[in-house]
């Protein structure tokens, strides 16, 4: 590229003004020089003054704001707005409420630069919780003014590690050799090459409720040759926010049915098998049953 811009951070948001402010503040403290990255905030129809909050960071970030009307849950479309406008050769996907270590963006760029093949890279996310467990305690412990210090404390004490840590410990931080590495690519904090994300068709905008749109993207990245892994240097804190675990579980299952029907492969059908197969052992089940790999279905979907 002719410019010095290396990565585009895409932050979808909806009525999470305070959480978005925390995320933008952490981005403003990155050690990657300001002219090397841009931040695109895509608002899915907020009514809480989000636009005003974004304007408050325009003097600290190379920042653009996009708004789409509130027509229900459209996070896939919101991320696609960011991808289409991205000027960096790497897209870093970050949810509002994710607080990045000051070295996170540098770590994403360095990992992609060092890779001979395209990467689908997870950032390491402390404090990710599924049902607001320990939310009050996490809020007390995390110093939002010193994200680096809070992460250092958690790393030292092993408090609230990434919920995927047992998976990483079992299979290694470079888990691209697995038959279904895409199950662990969650775009609350992850990156991929902009050119590849565009080439595979971006996010599927048929996803209109919580859960699974990132797995669908990851499945196609996998089929297109991306290598999956995690960078522990690209660390962050998932600051607690209100959620309904029961509703999320129900909507995710509906979206898994959509994925299974969309691709119609033995592996994707496991997403809807009952009793449900835990993601932590999903790849073991694939291996035990000797199921054909995703590459055997190059035209599916």
C-alpha atoms as a PDB file:
ATOM      1  CA  UNK A   1       0.000   0.000   0.000  1.00  0.00           C
ATOM      2  CA  UNK A   2       1.129   3.519  -0.663  1.00  0.00           C
ATOM      3  CA  UNK A   3       0.111   4.878   2.727  1.00  0.00           C
ATOM      4  CA  UNK A   4       1.410   3.931   6.154  1.00  0.00           C
ATOM      5  CA  UNK A   5      -2.035   2.651   7.221  1.00  0.00           C
ATOM      6  CA  UNK A   6      -1.734  -0.980   8.287  1.00  0.00           C
ATOM      7  CA  UNK A   7      -4.946  -1.935  10.008  1.00  0.00           C
ATOM      8  CA  UNK A   8      -8.563  -0.915  10.314  1.00  0.00           C
ATOM      9  CA  UNK A   9     -10.314  -1.470  13.636  1.00  0.00           C
ATOM     10  CA  UNK A  10     -14.030  -2.115  13.127  1.00  0.00           C
ATOM     11  CA  UNK A  11     -16.273  -1.549  16.146  1.00  0.00           C
ATOM     12  CA  UNK A  12     -20.005  -2.255  15.775  1.00  0.00           C
ATOM     13  CA  UNK A  13     -22.147  -0.817  18.537  1.00  0.00           C
ATOM     14  CA  UNK A  14     -25.723  -0.421  19.705  1.00  0.00           C
ATOM     15  CA  UNK A  15     -26.743   1.640  22.744  1.00  0.00           C
ATOM     16  CA  UNK A  16     -23.506   0.962  24.593  1.00  0.00           C
ATOM     17  CA  UNK A  17     -22.170   4.477  24.822  1.00  0.00           C
ATOM     18  CA  UNK A  18     -20.155   4.024  28.015  1.00  0.00           C
ATOM     19  CA  UNK A  19     -18.681   0.680  26.913  1.00  0.00           C
ATOM     20  CA  UNK A  20     -17.798   2.175  23.531  1.00  0.00           C
ATOM     21  CA  UNK A  21     -16.025   5.053  25.256  1.00  0.00           C
ATOM     22  CA  UNK A  22     -13.908   2.577  27.207  1.00  0.00           C
ATOM     23  CA  UNK A  23     -12.992   0.759  23.990  1.00  0.00           C
ATOM     24  CA  UNK A  24     -12.114   3.965  22.148  1.00  0.00           C
ATOM     25  CA  UNK A  25     -10.027   5.171  25.089  1.00  0.00           C
ATOM     26  CA  UNK A  26      -8.000   1.947  24.965  1.00  0.00           C
ATOM     27  CA  UNK A  27      -7.528   2.372  21.212  1.00  0.00           C
ATOM     28  CA  UNK A  28      -6.311   5.929  21.735  1.00  0.00           C
ATOM     29  CA  UNK A  29      -3.559   4.534  23.994  1.00  0.00           C
ATOM     30  CA  UNK A  30      -2.138   2.035  21.477  1.00  0.00           C
ATOM     31  CA  UNK A  31       1.618   2.024  20.940  1.00  0.00           C
ATOM     32  CA  UNK A  32       1.041   1.567  17.202  1.00  0.00           C
ATOM     33  CA  UNK A  33       1.481   5.081  15.757  1.00  0.00           C
ATOM     34  CA  UNK A  34      -1.755   6.898  15.063  1.00  0.00           C
ATOM     35  CA  UNK A  35      -1.103   7.098  11.316  1.00  0.00           C
ATOM     36  CA  UNK A  36      -0.766   3.305  11.122  1.00  0.00           C
ATOM     37  CA  UNK A  37      -4.354   2.472  12.024  1.00  0.00           C
ATOM     38  CA  UNK A  38      -7.882   3.804  11.696  1.00  0.00           C
ATOM     39  CA  UNK A  39     -11.013   3.145  13.732  1.00  0.00           C
ATOM     40  CA  UNK A  40     -14.424   2.743  12.115  1.00  0.00           C
ATOM     41  CA  UNK A  41     -17.392   2.816  14.493  1.00  0.00           C
ATOM     42  CA  UNK A  42     -20.567   1.445  12.913  1.00  0.00           C
ATOM     43  CA  UNK A  43     -23.705   2.297  14.862  1.00  0.00           C
ATOM     44  CA  UNK A  44     -26.617  -0.127  14.468  1.00  0.00           C
ATOM     45  CA  UNK A  45     -29.225   2.531  15.284  1.00  0.00           C
ATOM     46  CA  UNK A  46     -28.331   3.726  18.794  1.00  0.00           C
ATOM     47  CA  UNK A  47     -30.467   6.278  20.617  1.00  0.00           C
ATOM     48  CA  UNK A  48     -28.147   6.936  23.581  1.00  0.00           C
ATOM     49  CA  UNK A  49     -25.904   9.691  22.237  1.00  0.00           C
ATOM     50  CA  UNK A  50     -23.344   7.333  20.723  1.00  0.00           C
ATOM     51  CA  UNK A  51     -22.532   9.791  17.926  1.00  0.00           C
ATOM     52  CA  UNK A  52     -21.636  12.469  20.492  1.00  0.00           C
ATOM     53  CA  UNK A  53     -19.399  10.000  22.312  1.00  0.00           C
ATOM     54  CA  UNK A  54     -17.552   9.185  19.098  1.00  0.00           C
ATOM     55  CA  UNK A  55     -17.027  12.866  18.308  1.00  0.00           C
ATOM     56  CA  UNK A  56     -15.273  13.184  21.640  1.00  0.00           C
ATOM     57  CA  UNK A  57     -12.432  11.002  20.336  1.00  0.00           C
ATOM     58  CA  UNK A  58     -11.913  12.586  16.930  1.00  0.00           C
ATOM     59  CA  UNK A  59      -8.875  14.505  18.162  1.00  0.00           C
ATOM     60  CA  UNK A  60      -7.235  11.329  19.502  1.00  0.00           C
ATOM     61  CA  UNK A  61      -7.900   8.808  16.729  1.00  0.00           C
ATOM     62  CA  UNK A  62      -8.143   8.525  12.968  1.00  0.00           C
ATOM     63  CA  UNK A  63     -11.834   7.894  13.388  1.00  0.00           C
ATOM     64  CA  UNK A  64     -14.888   7.559  11.160  1.00  0.00           C
ATOM     65  CA  UNK A  65     -18.486   7.062  12.247  1.00  0.00           C
ATOM     66  CA  UNK A  66     -21.223   5.304  10.271  1.00  0.00           C
ATOM     67  CA  UNK A  67     -24.884   5.048  11.204  1.00  0.00           C
ATOM     68  CA  UNK A  68     -27.527   2.602  10.028  1.00  0.00           C
ATOM     69  CA  UNK A  69     -31.177   2.822  11.141  1.00  0.00           C
ATOM     70  CA  UNK A  70     -32.387   0.544  13.907  1.00  0.00           C
ATOM     71  CA  UNK A  71     -34.066  -2.280  12.007  1.00  0.00           C
ATOM     72  CA  UNK A  72     -33.321  -4.998  14.524  1.00  0.00           C
ATOM     73  CA  UNK A  73     -30.109  -6.897  15.188  1.00  0.00           C
ATOM     74  CA  UNK A  74     -27.805  -6.207  12.218  1.00  0.00           C
ATOM     75  CA  UNK A  75     -24.279  -6.610  13.553  1.00  0.00           C
ATOM     76  CA  UNK A  76     -23.227  -8.574  10.447  1.00  0.00           C
ATOM     77  CA  UNK A  77     -24.284  -5.691   8.217  1.00  0.00           C
ATOM     78  CA  UNK A  78     -22.585  -3.217  10.552  1.00  0.00           C
ATOM     79  CA  UNK A  79     -19.279  -5.055  10.342  1.00  0.00           C
ATOM     80  CA  UNK A  80     -19.639  -5.236   6.569  1.00  0.00           C
ATOM     81  CA  UNK A  81     -19.984  -1.456   6.417  1.00  0.00           C
ATOM     82  CA  UNK A  82     -16.632  -1.272   8.169  1.00  0.00           C
ATOM     83  CA  UNK A  83     -15.005  -3.863   5.917  1.00  0.00           C
ATOM     84  CA  UNK A  84     -16.170  -2.105   2.763  1.00  0.00           C
ATOM     85  CA  UNK A  85     -14.718   1.201   3.968  1.00  0.00           C
ATOM     86  CA  UNK A  86     -11.514  -0.257   5.438  1.00  0.00           C
ATOM     87  CA  UNK A  87      -8.283   1.319   4.262  1.00  0.00           C
ATOM     88  CA  UNK A  88      -5.942  -1.016   6.160  1.00  0.00           C
ATOM     89  CA  UNK A  89      -4.748  -4.340   4.809  1.00  0.00           C
ATOM     90  CA  UNK A  90      -5.729  -5.980   8.112  1.00  0.00           C
ATOM     91  CA  UNK A  91      -9.193  -5.805   9.670  1.00  0.00           C
ATOM     92  CA  UNK A  92      -9.235  -5.987  13.465  1.00  0.00           C
ATOM     93  CA  UNK A  93     -12.716  -6.754  14.759  1.00  0.00           C
ATOM     94  CA  UNK A  94     -13.431  -5.406  18.244  1.00  0.00           C
ATOM     95  CA  UNK A  95     -16.724  -5.244  20.122  1.00  0.00           C
ATOM     96  CA  UNK A  96     -17.719  -2.227  22.174  1.00  0.00           C
ATOM     97  CA  UNK A  97     -16.736  -3.003  25.748  1.00  0.00           C
ATOM     98  CA  UNK A  98     -13.490  -4.746  24.802  1.00  0.00           C
ATOM     99  CA  UNK A  99     -10.528  -2.884  26.301  1.00  0.00           C
ATOM    100  CA  UNK A 100      -7.305  -3.482  24.389  1.00  0.00           C
ATOM    101  CA  UNK A 101      -3.834  -3.657  25.867  1.00  0.00           C
ATOM    102  CA  UNK A 102      -1.688  -0.847  24.454  1.00  0.00           C
ATOM    103  CA  UNK A 103       0.346  -3.364  22.456  1.00  0.00           C
ATOM    104  CA  UNK A 104      -2.588  -5.249  20.953  1.00  0.00           C
ATOM    105  CA  UNK A 105      -2.731  -3.640  17.527  1.00  0.00           C
ATOM    106  CA  UNK A 106       1.036  -3.846  17.151  1.00  0.00           C
ATOM    107  CA  UNK A 107       0.792  -7.556  17.963  1.00  0.00           C
ATOM    108  CA  UNK A 108      -1.894  -8.134  15.347  1.00  0.00           C
ATOM    109  CA  UNK A 109       0.155  -6.351  12.681  1.00  0.00           C
ATOM    110  CA  UNK A 110       3.368  -8.179  13.634  1.00  0.00           C
ATOM    111  CA  UNK A 111       1.672 -11.594  13.519  1.00  0.00           C
ATOM    112  CA  UNK A 112       0.215 -10.985  10.074  1.00  0.00           C
ATOM    113  CA  UNK A 113       3.514  -9.608   8.792  1.00  0.00           C
ATOM    114  CA  UNK A 114       5.374 -12.696  10.025  1.00  0.00           C
ATOM    115  CA  UNK A 115       2.951 -15.169   8.448  1.00  0.00           C
ATOM    116  CA  UNK A 116       3.524 -16.571   4.982  1.00  0.00           C
ATOM    117  CA  UNK A 117      -0.153 -17.506   4.738  1.00  0.00           C
ATOM    118  CA  UNK A 118      -3.271 -15.509   5.623  1.00  0.00           C
ATOM    119  CA  UNK A 119      -4.147 -15.578   9.312  1.00  0.00           C
ATOM    120  CA  UNK A 120      -7.428 -15.698  11.168  1.00  0.00           C
ATOM    121  CA  UNK A 121      -6.050 -14.488  14.481  1.00  0.00           C
ATOM    122  CA  UNK A 122      -7.710 -14.344  17.877  1.00  0.00           C
ATOM    123  CA  UNK A 123      -6.734 -11.779  20.419  1.00  0.00           C
ATOM    124  CA  UNK A 124      -6.497 -13.131  23.962  1.00  0.00           C
ATOM    125  CA  UNK A 125      -9.569 -11.984  25.911  1.00  0.00           C
ATOM    126  CA  UNK A 126      -9.572 -11.848  29.705  1.00  0.00           C
ATOM    127  CA  UNK A 127     -12.853 -11.766  31.647  1.00  0.00           C
ATOM    128  CA  UNK A 128     -15.050 -13.113  28.859  1.00  0.00           C
ATOM    129  CA  UNK A 129     -18.110 -14.442  30.642  1.00  0.00           C
ATOM    130  CA  UNK A 130     -21.162 -16.142  29.211  1.00  0.00           C
ATOM    131  CA  UNK A 131     -23.763 -15.230  31.810  1.00  0.00           C
ATOM    132  CA  UNK A 132     -22.353 -12.216  33.683  1.00  0.00           C
ATOM    133  CA  UNK A 133     -20.653 -14.479  36.204  1.00  0.00           C
ATOM    134  CA  UNK A 134     -18.316 -12.454  38.454  1.00  0.00           C
ATOM    135  CA  UNK A 135     -19.430  -9.269  36.692  1.00  0.00           C
ATOM    136  CA  UNK A 136     -19.527  -7.111  39.819  1.00  0.00           C
ATOM    137  CA  UNK A 137     -16.162  -8.366  41.020  1.00  0.00           C
ATOM    138  CA  UNK A 138     -14.574  -7.867  37.601  1.00  0.00           C
ATOM    139  CA  UNK A 139     -15.805  -4.271  37.519  1.00  0.00           C
ATOM    140  CA  UNK A 140     -14.214  -3.676  40.927  1.00  0.00           C
ATOM    141  CA  UNK A 141     -10.891  -5.226  39.963  1.00  0.00           C
ATOM    142  CA  UNK A 142     -10.422  -3.790  36.482  1.00  0.00           C
ATOM    143  CA  UNK A 143      -8.914  -0.302  36.407  1.00  0.00           C
ATOM    144  CA  UNK A 144     -10.276   1.159  33.184  1.00  0.00           C
ATOM    145  CA  UNK A 145      -7.648   3.900  33.397  1.00  0.00           C
ATOM    146  CA  UNK A 146      -4.860   1.305  33.472  1.00  0.00           C
ATOM    147  CA  UNK A 147      -5.837  -1.537  31.190  1.00  0.00           C
ATOM    148  CA  UNK A 148      -2.229  -2.693  30.806  1.00  0.00           C
ATOM    149  CA  UNK A 149      -1.804  -2.909  34.572  1.00  0.00           C
ATOM    150  CA  UNK A 150      -5.057  -4.804  35.003  1.00  0.00           C
ATOM    151  CA  UNK A 151      -4.044  -7.308  32.328  1.00  0.00           C
ATOM    152  CA  UNK A 152      -0.618  -7.743  33.903  1.00  0.00           C
ATOM    153  CA  UNK A 153      -2.262  -8.541  37.238  1.00  0.00           C
ATOM    154  CA  UNK A 154      -4.605 -11.085  35.660  1.00  0.00           C
ATOM    155  CA  UNK A 155      -1.763 -12.734  33.782  1.00  0.00           C
ATOM    156  CA  UNK A 156       0.257 -13.004  36.988  1.00  0.00           C
ATOM    157  CA  UNK A 157      -2.596 -14.298  39.143  1.00  0.00           C
ATOM    158  CA  UNK A 158      -4.277 -16.321  36.377  1.00  0.00           C
ATOM    159  CA  UNK A 159      -7.562 -14.605  37.175  1.00  0.00           C
ATOM    160  CA  UNK A 160     -10.358 -14.745  34.601  1.00  0.00           C
ATOM    161  CA  UNK A 161      -8.297 -16.144  31.729  1.00  0.00           C
ATOM    162  CA  UNK A 162      -9.742 -16.371  28.254  1.00  0.00           C
ATOM    163  CA  UNK A 163     -12.622 -18.862  28.377  1.00  0.00           C
ATOM    164  CA  UNK A 164     -10.876 -20.649  25.481  1.00  0.00           C
ATOM    165  CA  UNK A 165      -7.696 -21.179  27.530  1.00  0.00           C
ATOM    166  CA  UNK A 166      -8.347 -24.915  28.100  1.00  0.00           C
ATOM    167  CA  UNK A 167      -8.723 -25.282  24.330  1.00  0.00           C
ATOM    168  CA  UNK A 168      -5.474 -23.416  23.689  1.00  0.00           C
ATOM    169  CA  UNK A 169      -3.673 -25.438  26.345  1.00  0.00           C
ATOM    170  CA  UNK A 170      -4.875 -28.677  24.793  1.00  0.00           C
ATOM    171  CA  UNK A 171      -4.215 -27.920  21.139  1.00  0.00           C
ATOM    172  CA  UNK A 172      -1.590 -25.103  21.296  1.00  0.00           C
ATOM    173  CA  UNK A 173      -1.854 -21.439  20.365  1.00  0.00           C
ATOM    174  CA  UNK A 174      -1.431 -22.414  16.718  1.00  0.00           C
ATOM    175  CA  UNK A 175      -4.474 -24.622  16.175  1.00  0.00           C
ATOM    176  CA  UNK A 176      -4.916 -24.339  12.436  1.00  0.00           C
ATOM    177  CA  UNK A 177      -4.192 -28.054  12.003  1.00  0.00           C
ATOM    178  CA  UNK A 178      -7.547 -28.993  13.538  1.00  0.00           C
ATOM    179  CA  UNK A 179     -10.476 -30.024  11.345  1.00  0.00           C
ATOM    180  CA  UNK A 180     -12.701 -27.257  12.763  1.00  0.00           C
ATOM    181  CA  UNK A 181     -10.460 -24.447  14.068  1.00  0.00           C
ATOM    182  CA  UNK A 182     -13.095 -21.922  13.016  1.00  0.00           C
ATOM    183  CA  UNK A 183     -15.194 -22.734  16.098  1.00  0.00           C
ATOM    184  CA  UNK A 184     -12.902 -20.621  18.261  1.00  0.00           C
ATOM    185  CA  UNK A 185     -12.721 -17.533  16.041  1.00  0.00           C
ATOM    186  CA  UNK A 186     -14.872 -15.019  17.901  1.00  0.00           C
ATOM    187  CA  UNK A 187     -14.895 -11.507  16.549  1.00  0.00           C
ATOM    188  CA  UNK A 188     -15.215  -9.762  19.890  1.00  0.00           C
ATOM    189  CA  UNK A 189     -11.439  -9.408  19.318  1.00  0.00           C
ATOM    190  CA  UNK A 190      -9.908 -10.980  16.221  1.00  0.00           C
ATOM    191  CA  UNK A 191      -8.250 -10.068  12.936  1.00  0.00           C
ATOM    192  CA  UNK A 192      -7.953 -11.197   9.326  1.00  0.00           C
ATOM    193  CA  UNK A 193      -6.624  -9.839   6.068  1.00  0.00           C
ATOM    194  CA  UNK A 194      -9.017  -7.334   4.558  1.00  0.00           C
ATOM    195  CA  UNK A 195      -8.506  -8.663   1.033  1.00  0.00           C
ATOM    196  CA  UNK A 196      -9.369 -12.217   2.079  1.00  0.00           C
ATOM    197  CA  UNK A 197     -12.460 -11.192   4.059  1.00  0.00           C
ATOM    198  CA  UNK A 198     -13.734  -9.328   1.023  1.00  0.00           C
ATOM    199  CA  UNK A 199     -12.882 -12.200  -1.315  1.00  0.00           C
ATOM    200  CA  UNK A 200     -14.928 -14.740   0.663  1.00  0.00           C
ATOM    201  CA  UNK A 201     -18.012 -12.523   0.692  1.00  0.00           C
ATOM    202  CA  UNK A 202     -17.814 -10.655   4.026  1.00  0.00           C
ATOM    203  CA  UNK A 203     -20.256 -11.465   6.851  1.00  0.00           C
ATOM    204  CA  UNK A 204     -23.517 -13.137   5.944  1.00  0.00           C
ATOM    205  CA  UNK A 205     -26.202 -10.531   6.583  1.00  0.00           C
ATOM    206  CA  UNK A 206     -28.879 -13.210   6.957  1.00  0.00           C
ATOM    207  CA  UNK A 207     -27.755 -13.441  10.594  1.00  0.00           C
ATOM    208  CA  UNK A 208     -30.306 -11.212  12.320  1.00  0.00           C
ATOM    209  CA  UNK A 209     -29.945 -12.394  15.919  1.00  0.00           C
ATOM    210  CA  UNK A 210     -27.103 -13.055  18.328  1.00  0.00           C
ATOM    211  CA  UNK A 211     -24.519 -15.757  17.720  1.00  0.00           C
ATOM    212  CA  UNK A 212     -22.756 -17.575  14.933  1.00  0.00           C
ATOM    213  CA  UNK A 213     -22.102 -14.922  12.305  1.00  0.00           C
ATOM    214  CA  UNK A 214     -18.417 -14.939  13.250  1.00  0.00           C
ATOM    215  CA  UNK A 215     -18.244 -18.751  13.018  1.00  0.00           C
ATOM    216  CA  UNK A 216     -19.806 -18.584   9.575  1.00  0.00           C
ATOM    217  CA  UNK A 217     -17.166 -16.077   8.457  1.00  0.00           C
ATOM    218  CA  UNK A 218     -14.449 -18.202  10.054  1.00  0.00           C
ATOM    219  CA  UNK A 219     -15.672 -21.343   8.298  1.00  0.00           C
ATOM    220  CA  UNK A 220     -15.226 -19.616   4.948  1.00  0.00           C
ATOM    221  CA  UNK A 221     -11.830 -18.204   5.963  1.00  0.00           C
ATOM    222  CA  UNK A 222     -10.794 -21.759   6.834  1.00  0.00           C
ATOM    223  CA  UNK A 223     -11.960 -23.118   3.497  1.00  0.00           C
ATOM    224  CA  UNK A 224     -10.047 -20.312   1.790  1.00  0.00           C
ATOM    225  CA  UNK A 225      -6.776 -21.312   3.447  1.00  0.00           C
ATOM    226  CA  UNK A 226      -6.506 -19.042   6.484  1.00  0.00           C
ATOM    227  CA  UNK A 227      -4.368 -20.297   9.372  1.00  0.00           C
ATOM    228  CA  UNK A 228      -5.977 -20.037  12.812  1.00  0.00           C
ATOM    229  CA  UNK A 229      -4.253 -19.136  16.048  1.00  0.00           C
ATOM    230  CA  UNK A 230      -4.173 -16.799  19.028  1.00  0.00           C
ATOM    231  CA  UNK A 231      -1.796 -13.991  19.927  1.00  0.00           C
ATOM    232  CA  UNK A 232      -1.371 -13.597  23.664  1.00  0.00           C
ATOM    233  CA  UNK A 233       0.396 -10.286  23.051  1.00  0.00           C
ATOM    234  CA  UNK A 234      -2.814  -9.007  21.459  1.00  0.00           C
ATOM    235  CA  UNK A 235      -4.597  -9.120  24.801  1.00  0.00           C
ATOM    236  CA  UNK A 236      -7.732  -7.383  25.981  1.00  0.00           C
ATOM    237  CA  UNK A 237     -10.360  -7.291  28.711  1.00  0.00           C
ATOM    238  CA  UNK A 238     -13.993  -8.058  27.956  1.00  0.00           C
ATOM    239  CA  UNK A 239     -15.664  -5.595  30.303  1.00  0.00           C
ATOM    240  CA  UNK A 240     -18.943  -7.004  31.688  1.00  0.00           C
ATOM    241  CA  UNK A 241     -22.234  -5.880  30.225  1.00  0.00           C
ATOM    242  CA  UNK A 242     -25.837  -6.973  30.624  1.00  0.00           C
ATOM    243  CA  UNK A 243     -26.793 -10.071  28.662  1.00  0.00           C
ATOM    244  CA  UNK A 244     -29.383 -12.821  28.690  1.00  0.00           C
ATOM    245  CA  UNK A 245     -27.547 -16.127  28.446  1.00  0.00           C
ATOM    246  CA  UNK A 246     -30.745 -18.085  27.881  1.00  0.00           C
ATOM    247  CA  UNK A 247     -31.863 -15.913  24.967  1.00  0.00           C
ATOM    248  CA  UNK A 248     -28.354 -15.933  23.514  1.00  0.00           C
ATOM    249  CA  UNK A 249     -28.209 -19.728  23.670  1.00  0.00           C
ATOM    250  CA  UNK A 250     -31.565 -20.057  21.918  1.00  0.00           C
ATOM    251  CA  UNK A 251     -30.723 -17.607  19.151  1.00  0.00           C
ATOM    252  CA  UNK A 252     -27.271 -19.146  18.639  1.00  0.00           C
ATOM    253  CA  UNK A 253     -28.828 -22.581  18.172  1.00  0.00           C
ATOM    254  CA  UNK A 254     -31.146 -21.212  15.499  1.00  0.00           C
ATOM    255  CA  UNK A 255     -28.147 -19.684  13.753  1.00  0.00           C
ATOM    256  CA  UNK A 256     -26.238 -22.975  13.989  1.00  0.00           C
ATOM    257  CA  UNK A 257     -29.163 -24.633  12.219  1.00  0.00           C
ATOM    258  CA  UNK A 258     -28.809 -22.036   9.491  1.00  0.00           C
ATOM    259  CA  UNK A 259     -25.071 -22.787   9.165  1.00  0.00           C
ATOM    260  CA  UNK A 260     -25.687 -26.536   9.065  1.00  0.00           C
ATOM    261  CA  UNK A 261     -28.273 -26.133   6.313  1.00  0.00           C
ATOM    262  CA  UNK A 262     -26.168 -23.601   4.430  1.00  0.00           C
ATOM    263  CA  UNK A 263     -23.086 -25.823   4.088  1.00  0.00           C
ATOM    264  CA  UNK A 264     -24.586 -29.319   4.532  1.00  0.00           C
ATOM    265  CA  UNK A 265     -21.328 -30.975   5.540  1.00  0.00           C
ATOM    266  CA  UNK A 266     -20.825 -33.689   8.168  1.00  0.00           C
ATOM    267  CA  UNK A 267     -18.814 -31.282  10.301  1.00  0.00           C
ATOM    268  CA  UNK A 268     -21.273 -28.373  10.232  1.00  0.00           C
ATOM    269  CA  UNK A 269     -24.149 -30.758  11.005  1.00  0.00           C
ATOM    270  CA  UNK A 270     -22.462 -31.486  14.343  1.00  0.00           C
ATOM    271  CA  UNK A 271     -23.429 -27.954  15.408  1.00  0.00           C
ATOM    272  CA  UNK A 272     -27.047 -29.057  15.790  1.00  0.00           C
ATOM    273  CA  UNK A 273     -26.544 -32.579  17.091  1.00  0.00           C
ATOM    274  CA  UNK A 274     -28.331 -33.364  20.341  1.00  0.00           C
ATOM    275  CA  UNK A 275     -27.222 -33.615  23.024  1.00  0.00           C
ATOM    276  CA  UNK A 276     -25.117 -30.624  22.081  1.00  0.00           C
ATOM    277  CA  UNK A 277     -21.420 -31.238  21.504  1.00  0.00           C
ATOM    278  CA  UNK A 278     -19.269 -28.878  23.550  1.00  0.00           C
ATOM    279  CA  UNK A 279     -16.935 -26.761  21.456  1.00  0.00           C
ATOM    280  CA  UNK A 280     -14.051 -27.871  23.664  1.00  0.00           C
ATOM    281  CA  UNK A 281     -14.377 -31.469  22.395  1.00  0.00           C
ATOM    282  CA  UNK A 282     -15.889 -30.777  18.977  1.00  0.00           C
ATOM    283  CA  UNK A 283     -12.642 -31.459  17.100  1.00  0.00           C
ATOM    284  CA  UNK A 284     -12.132 -34.702  19.011  1.00  0.00           C
ATOM    285  CA  UNK A 285     -15.559 -35.891  17.861  1.00  0.00           C
ATOM    286  CA  UNK A 286     -14.706 -35.042  14.262  1.00  0.00           C
ATOM    287  CA  UNK A 287     -11.491 -37.058  14.513  1.00  0.00           C
ATOM    288  CA  UNK A 288     -13.088 -39.994  16.355  1.00  0.00           C
ATOM    289  CA  UNK A 289     -15.793 -40.328  13.718  1.00  0.00           C
ATOM    290  CA  UNK A 290     -13.364 -39.891  10.848  1.00  0.00           C
ATOM    291  CA  UNK A 291     -15.498 -37.202   9.238  1.00  0.00           C
ATOM    292  CA  UNK A 292     -14.347 -35.689   5.948  1.00  0.00           C
ATOM    293  CA  UNK A 293     -12.630 -32.306   6.218  1.00  0.00           C
ATOM    294  CA  UNK A 294     -14.142 -29.015   5.160  1.00  0.00           C
ATOM    295  CA  UNK A 295     -11.784 -28.951   2.175  1.00  0.00           C
ATOM    296  CA  UNK A 296     -13.659 -31.939   0.770  1.00  0.00           C
ATOM    297  CA  UNK A 297     -16.631 -29.636   0.200  1.00  0.00           C
ATOM    298  CA  UNK A 298     -15.065 -26.763  -1.764  1.00  0.00           C
ATOM    299  CA  UNK A 299     -18.315 -25.693  -3.394  1.00  0.00           C
ATOM    300  CA  UNK A 300     -20.653 -26.045  -0.421  1.00  0.00           C
ATOM    301  CA  UNK A 301     -22.477 -22.885   0.591  1.00  0.00           C
END
